[in-house]
Amino acid sequence: MQTIGTIITAIGIIFLFIGGLGIFRLPDVYNRLQAGTKCTTLGAFLTIVGVGITQPGWLPKTLVIALFILITNPISNHALGRASRKSGVSLCDRSVVDRASEFEEYKEKQ
């Protein structure tokens, strides 16, 4: 079980690194939120579950923490994205699709 926990933890660390790199490299707040949500949620989940597998006495606590992260991280990033949109933060010039403005235009027509 020690090696399985170590492998799962290592995979989680790799995802956390990729998420951090995405936050550093991507051009605007909306793309950064995407990288932050997807990679860091999975990375934190795998890292915490891997530690729980490595230390079996901690497994119930780590599963509760991992479940909490799975629920709260996407919700908090969604709230940050909505707040950015409502405060007028614009998309990057290289962004091709803006579904939020398309939805607002559709809502105004009806």
Protein backbone atom coordinates (compact mmCIF):
# COMPACT_ATOMS: atom_id res chain seq x y z
CA MET A 1 0.00 0.00 0.00
CA GLN A 2 2.96 2.29 0.61
CA THR A 3 4.00 2.30 -3.06
CA ILE A 4 0.45 2.81 -4.31
CA GLY A 5 0.02 5.79 -1.98
CA THR A 6 3.36 7.20 -3.06
CA ILE A 7 2.46 6.86 -6.76
CA ILE A 8 -0.94 8.53 -6.25
CA THR A 9 0.70 11.34 -4.28
CA ALA A 10 3.31 11.83 -7.01
CA ILE A 11 0.60 12.03 -9.68
CA GLY A 12 -1.20 14.62 -7.55
CA ILE A 13 1.99 16.66 -7.21
CA ILE A 14 2.44 16.58 -11.00
CA PHE A 15 -1.10 17.90 -11.48
CA LEU A 16 -0.49 20.63 -8.92
CA PHE A 17 2.68 21.64 -10.75
CA ILE A 18 0.86 21.74 -14.11
CA GLY A 19 -1.91 23.85 -12.54
CA GLY A 20 0.63 26.27 -11.10
CA LEU A 21 2.36 26.49 -14.45
CA GLY A 22 -0.98 27.16 -16.13
CA ILE A 23 -1.79 29.93 -13.68
CA PHE A 24 1.61 31.47 -14.36
CA ARG A 25 1.52 31.14 -18.16
CA LEU A 26 -2.09 31.76 -19.22
CA PRO A 27 -3.03 35.27 -20.39
CA ASP A 28 -6.15 36.33 -18.48
CA VAL A 29 -8.07 35.69 -15.30
CA TYR A 30 -10.65 33.42 -16.92
CA ASN A 31 -8.08 31.07 -18.43
CA ARG A 32 -6.15 31.06 -15.17
CA LEU A 33 -9.29 30.11 -13.27
CA GLN A 34 -9.74 27.18 -15.64
CA ALA A 35 -6.22 25.92 -14.95
CA GLY A 36 -6.60 26.60 -11.27
CA THR A 37 -9.86 24.76 -10.99
CA LYS A 38 -9.17 21.64 -13.02
CA CYS A 39 -5.57 20.88 -12.17
CA THR A 40 -5.44 21.99 -8.58
CA THR A 41 -8.67 20.23 -7.64
CA LEU A 42 -7.47 16.93 -9.07
CA GLY A 43 -3.93 17.46 -7.81
CA ALA A 44 -4.99 18.27 -4.26
CA PHE A 45 -7.47 15.39 -4.27
CA LEU A 46 -4.88 12.85 -5.42
CA THR A 47 -2.20 14.17 -3.09
CA ILE A 48 -4.43 14.02 -0.03
CA VAL A 49 -5.85 10.60 -0.89
CA GLY A 50 -2.32 9.33 -1.56
CA VAL A 51 -1.25 10.47 1.90
CA GLY A 52 -4.32 8.73 3.33
CA ILE A 53 -3.38 5.49 1.60
CA THR A 54 0.22 5.81 2.79
CA GLN A 55 -0.94 6.43 6.39
CA PRO A 56 -4.01 4.17 6.84
CA GLY A 57 -4.92 5.70 10.20
CA TRP A 58 -5.45 9.04 8.47
CA LEU A 59 -7.56 7.68 5.61
CA PRO A 60 -11.04 8.64 6.93
CA LYS A 61 -9.89 12.19 7.69
CA THR A 62 -8.15 12.59 4.34
CA LEU A 63 -11.25 11.36 2.48
CA VAL A 64 -13.37 14.01 4.24
CA ILE A 65 -10.82 16.69 3.37
CA ALA A 66 -10.63 15.49 -0.25
CA LEU A 67 -14.42 15.52 -0.55
CA PHE A 68 -14.49 19.05 0.86
CA ILE A 69 -11.94 20.16 -1.75
CA LEU A 70 -13.91 18.48 -4.57
CA ILE A 71 -17.00 20.44 -3.59
CA THR A 72 -15.61 23.84 -2.62
CA ASN A 73 -12.79 24.47 -5.11
CA PRO A 74 -14.98 24.57 -8.27
CA ILE A 75 -17.65 26.62 -6.50
CA SER A 76 -15.18 29.20 -5.25
CA ASN A 77 -13.52 29.52 -8.65
CA HIS A 78 -16.93 29.94 -10.27
CA ALA A 79 -17.69 32.75 -7.82
CA LEU A 80 -14.35 34.40 -8.67
CA GLY A 81 -15.12 34.17 -12.38
CA ARG A 82 -18.57 35.70 -11.95
CA ALA A 83 -17.17 38.49 -9.79
CA SER A 84 -14.50 39.20 -12.40
CA ARG A 85 -17.12 39.30 -15.13
CA LYS A 86 -19.43 41.60 -13.18
CA SER A 87 -16.60 43.96 -12.25
CA GLY A 88 -15.69 44.37 -15.92
CA VAL A 89 -12.49 42.36 -16.28
CA SER A 90 -12.15 41.81 -20.02
CA LEU A 91 -11.02 38.77 -21.91
CA CYS A 92 -7.59 38.50 -23.45
CA ASP A 93 -7.26 39.76 -27.03
CA ARG A 94 -6.47 36.23 -28.17
CA SER A 95 -9.71 34.78 -26.76
CA VAL A 96 -11.92 33.58 -29.57
CA VAL A 97 -15.22 32.66 -27.91
CA ASP A 98 -17.12 34.64 -25.30
CA ARG A 99 -20.13 32.55 -24.28
CA ALA A 100 -21.11 34.91 -21.48
CA SER A 101 -21.67 37.86 -23.82
CA GLU A 102 -23.46 35.59 -26.29
CA PHE A 103 -25.79 34.53 -23.47
CA GLU A 104 -26.38 38.15 -22.43
CA GLU A 105 -27.24 39.10 -26.03
CA TYR A 106 -29.61 36.12 -26.28
CA LYS A 107 -31.28 37.11 -23.00
CA GLU A 108 -31.78 40.69 -24.20
CA LYS A 109 -33.51 39.52 -27.41
CA GLN A 110 -36.15 37.61 -25.48
